[in-house]
């Protein structure tokens, strides 16, 4: 499974609270959770605190981390 990707525009959109995780993905951190924006699924590849979200722009899909590790579940029904 490949890592999700982000464009420079995705990274610029998370400022001014810009951080990068161990894989190089940029995120904003609010209240101990991370907010990612990019393409691809974070499942089994991105480790983040439980409750963190990943907005997948190609879907568009929203994923939430459920175990403070690499388990992400799609949230709701996106169109």
C-alpha atoms as a PDB file:
ATOM      1  CA  UNK A   1       0.000   0.000   0.000  1.00  0.00           C
ATOM      2  CA  UNK A   2       1.436   3.375  -0.955  1.00  0.00           C
ATOM      3  CA  UNK A   3       1.509   6.475   1.189  1.00  0.00           C
ATOM      4  CA  UNK A   4      -0.981   9.266   0.553  1.00  0.00           C
ATOM      5  CA  UNK A   5       0.459  12.311  -1.212  1.00  0.00           C
ATOM      6  CA  UNK A   6       0.116  16.057  -0.815  1.00  0.00           C
ATOM      7  CA  UNK A   7       0.752  18.961  -3.181  1.00  0.00           C
ATOM      8  CA  UNK A   8       2.556  22.102  -2.093  1.00  0.00           C
ATOM      9  CA  UNK A   9      -0.879  23.788  -2.153  1.00  0.00           C
ATOM     10  CA  UNK A  10      -2.172  21.164   0.328  1.00  0.00           C
ATOM     11  CA  UNK A  11       0.751  21.911   2.639  1.00  0.00           C
ATOM     12  CA  UNK A  12       0.309  25.666   2.310  1.00  0.00           C
ATOM     13  CA  UNK A  13      -3.354  25.257   3.265  1.00  0.00           C
ATOM     14  CA  UNK A  14      -2.485  23.935   6.729  1.00  0.00           C
ATOM     15  CA  UNK A  15      -0.490  26.939   7.860  1.00  0.00           C
ATOM     16  CA  UNK A  16       0.089  28.622  10.261  1.00  0.00           C
ATOM     17  CA  UNK A  17       0.149  25.496  12.447  1.00  0.00           C
ATOM     18  CA  UNK A  18       2.271  23.457  10.041  1.00  0.00           C
ATOM     19  CA  UNK A  19       4.022  20.331  11.256  1.00  0.00           C
ATOM     20  CA  UNK A  20       5.281  17.226   9.457  1.00  0.00           C
ATOM     21  CA  UNK A  21       4.963  13.625  10.611  1.00  0.00           C
ATOM     22  CA  UNK A  22       7.595  10.898  10.258  1.00  0.00           C
ATOM     23  CA  UNK A  23       6.476  10.206   6.658  1.00  0.00           C
ATOM     24  CA  UNK A  24       6.818  13.867   5.636  1.00  0.00           C
ATOM     25  CA  UNK A  25       3.081  14.564   5.442  1.00  0.00           C
ATOM     26  CA  UNK A  26       2.108  18.042   6.633  1.00  0.00           C
ATOM     27  CA  UNK A  27      -0.703  18.516   9.135  1.00  0.00           C
ATOM     28  CA  UNK A  28      -2.270  20.996  11.510  1.00  0.00           C
ATOM     29  CA  UNK A  29      -2.606  19.969  15.128  1.00  0.00           C
ATOM     30  CA  UNK A  30      -5.511  21.113  17.236  1.00  0.00           C
ATOM     31  CA  UNK A  31      -6.278  19.833  20.706  1.00  0.00           C
ATOM     32  CA  UNK A  32      -3.993  16.832  20.311  1.00  0.00           C
ATOM     33  CA  UNK A  33      -5.475  15.576  17.024  1.00  0.00           C
ATOM     34  CA  UNK A  34      -4.026  15.987  13.548  1.00  0.00           C
ATOM     35  CA  UNK A  35      -5.783  17.307  10.466  1.00  0.00           C
ATOM     36  CA  UNK A  36      -4.329  16.117   7.157  1.00  0.00           C
ATOM     37  CA  UNK A  37      -5.284  17.060   3.580  1.00  0.00           C
ATOM     38  CA  UNK A  38      -4.076  15.070   0.579  1.00  0.00           C
ATOM     39  CA  UNK A  39      -4.837  12.272  -1.838  1.00  0.00           C
ATOM     40  CA  UNK A  40      -4.822   8.533  -1.236  1.00  0.00           C
ATOM     41  CA  UNK A  41      -5.877   6.557   1.802  1.00  0.00           C
ATOM     42  CA  UNK A  42      -4.016   6.917   5.094  1.00  0.00           C
ATOM     43  CA  UNK A  43      -5.073   3.394   6.191  1.00  0.00           C
ATOM     44  CA  UNK A  44      -2.145   1.205   7.288  1.00  0.00           C
ATOM     45  CA  UNK A  45       0.409   3.878   6.341  1.00  0.00           C
ATOM     46  CA  UNK A  46      -0.115   6.981   8.512  1.00  0.00           C
ATOM     47  CA  UNK A  47       0.237   6.865  12.294  1.00  0.00           C
ATOM     48  CA  UNK A  48      -1.674   9.586  14.136  1.00  0.00           C
ATOM     49  CA  UNK A  49      -3.450  10.193  17.444  1.00  0.00           C
ATOM     50  CA  UNK A  50      -6.920   8.677  17.816  1.00  0.00           C
ATOM     51  CA  UNK A  51      -9.543  11.073  16.451  1.00  0.00           C
ATOM     52  CA  UNK A  52      -7.244  12.615  13.836  1.00  0.00           C
ATOM     53  CA  UNK A  53      -8.783  13.225  10.406  1.00  0.00           C
ATOM     54  CA  UNK A  54      -7.534  12.919   6.831  1.00  0.00           C
ATOM     55  CA  UNK A  55      -9.416  14.757   4.063  1.00  0.00           C
ATOM     56  CA  UNK A  56      -8.813  12.802   0.867  1.00  0.00           C
ATOM     57  CA  UNK A  57      -9.391  15.261  -1.963  1.00  0.00           C
ATOM     58  CA  UNK A  58      -9.697  12.869  -4.921  1.00  0.00           C
ATOM     59  CA  UNK A  59     -12.756  11.110  -3.410  1.00  0.00           C
ATOM     60  CA  UNK A  60     -13.670  13.306  -1.673  1.00  0.00           C
ATOM     61  CA  UNK A  61     -13.485  11.097   1.401  1.00  0.00           C
ATOM     62  CA  UNK A  62     -12.972  11.747   5.094  1.00  0.00           C
ATOM     63  CA  UNK A  63     -11.075   9.263   7.258  1.00  0.00           C
ATOM     64  CA  UNK A  64     -10.782   9.213  11.059  1.00  0.00           C
ATOM     65  CA  UNK A  65      -8.065   7.456  13.043  1.00  0.00           C
ATOM     66  CA  UNK A  66      -9.636   4.932  15.410  1.00  0.00           C
ATOM     67  CA  UNK A  67      -6.717   3.437  17.338  1.00  0.00           C
ATOM     68  CA  UNK A  68      -3.879   5.984  17.754  1.00  0.00           C
ATOM     69  CA  UNK A  69      -1.895   3.952  15.236  1.00  0.00           C
ATOM     70  CA  UNK A  70      -2.495   3.240  11.521  1.00  0.00           C
ATOM     71  CA  UNK A  71      -6.178   2.215  11.528  1.00  0.00           C
ATOM     72  CA  UNK A  72      -8.380   4.723   9.706  1.00  0.00           C
ATOM     73  CA  UNK A  73     -12.077   4.377   8.910  1.00  0.00           C
ATOM     74  CA  UNK A  74     -14.022   6.251   6.273  1.00  0.00           C
ATOM     75  CA  UNK A  75     -16.536   8.582   7.910  1.00  0.00           C
ATOM     76  CA  UNK A  76     -20.070   8.933   6.549  1.00  0.00           C
ATOM     77  CA  UNK A  77     -21.177   8.656   2.950  1.00  0.00           C
ATOM     78  CA  UNK A  78     -19.387  11.021   0.600  1.00  0.00           C
ATOM     79  CA  UNK A  79     -20.533  11.780  -2.923  1.00  0.00           C
END
